């Protein structure tokens, strides 16, 4: 279980770094989102965060 935890932690840290670089590139290249696009991204992020425990079997479905 400890190796699983280390692997999971490293994946999360790597993903966070990639997302930070992606966000920075949007700022540098002046790529902006419309209101609809921003709402869509926000909804996808919220749904992903709320469904994550079910995807990894960490929470019961019932």
Protein backbone atom coordinates (compact mmCIF):
# COMPACT_ATOMS: atom_id res chain seq x y z
CA UNK A 1 0.00 0.00 0.00
CA UNK A 2 2.92 2.35 0.67
CA UNK A 3 4.15 2.07 -2.94
CA UNK A 4 0.63 2.83 -4.16
CA UNK A 5 0.57 5.95 -1.98
CA UNK A 6 3.98 7.08 -3.26
CA UNK A 7 2.97 6.46 -6.86
CA UNK A 8 -0.32 8.31 -6.40
CA UNK A 9 1.42 11.24 -4.73
CA UNK A 10 3.99 11.50 -7.52
CA UNK A 11 1.26 11.43 -10.17
CA UNK A 12 -0.67 14.20 -8.39
CA UNK A 13 2.46 16.35 -8.00
CA UNK A 14 3.43 15.86 -11.66
CA UNK A 15 -0.12 16.67 -12.80
CA UNK A 16 -0.19 19.81 -10.67
CA UNK A 17 3.06 21.00 -12.24
CA UNK A 18 1.78 20.36 -15.75
CA UNK A 19 -1.49 22.19 -15.03
CA UNK A 20 0.45 25.14 -13.58
CA UNK A 21 2.62 25.33 -16.72
CA UNK A 22 -0.48 25.11 -18.90
CA UNK A 23 -2.15 27.95 -17.01
CA UNK A 24 1.03 30.03 -17.23
CA UNK A 25 1.18 29.50 -20.99
CA UNK A 26 -2.37 30.83 -21.29
CA UNK A 27 -1.33 33.96 -19.41
CA UNK A 28 1.85 34.51 -21.44
CA UNK A 29 0.20 33.89 -24.82
CA UNK A 30 -2.85 35.97 -23.85
CA UNK A 31 -5.27 33.14 -24.55
CA UNK A 32 -8.53 34.02 -22.87
CA UNK A 33 -11.76 32.09 -22.49
CA UNK A 34 -15.27 33.34 -23.13
CA UNK A 35 -17.82 33.25 -20.33
CA UNK A 36 -19.30 29.99 -21.68
CA UNK A 37 -15.87 28.39 -21.96
CA UNK A 38 -14.97 29.43 -18.41
CA UNK A 39 -18.24 28.00 -17.08
CA UNK A 40 -17.65 24.75 -18.96
CA UNK A 41 -14.12 24.39 -17.57
CA UNK A 42 -15.36 25.15 -14.04
CA UNK A 43 -18.17 22.59 -14.27
CA UNK A 44 -15.80 19.90 -15.60
CA UNK A 45 -13.34 20.57 -12.75
CA UNK A 46 -16.08 20.42 -10.10
CA UNK A 47 -17.54 17.21 -11.56
CA UNK A 48 -14.11 15.63 -11.79
CA UNK A 49 -13.31 16.46 -8.18
CA UNK A 50 -16.69 15.26 -6.92
CA UNK A 51 -16.59 11.96 -8.87
CA UNK A 52 -12.95 11.14 -8.21
CA UNK A 53 -13.52 9.00 -5.06
CA UNK A 54 -16.00 6.81 -6.97
CA UNK A 55 -13.57 6.29 -9.87
CA UNK A 56 -10.84 5.00 -7.58
CA UNK A 57 -13.09 2.86 -5.41
CA UNK A 58 -12.56 5.05 -2.34
CA UNK A 59 -16.25 5.71 -1.70
CA UNK A 60 -19.30 3.49 -1.90
CA UNK A 61 -21.78 4.25 -4.68
CA UNK A 62 -24.80 3.79 -2.41
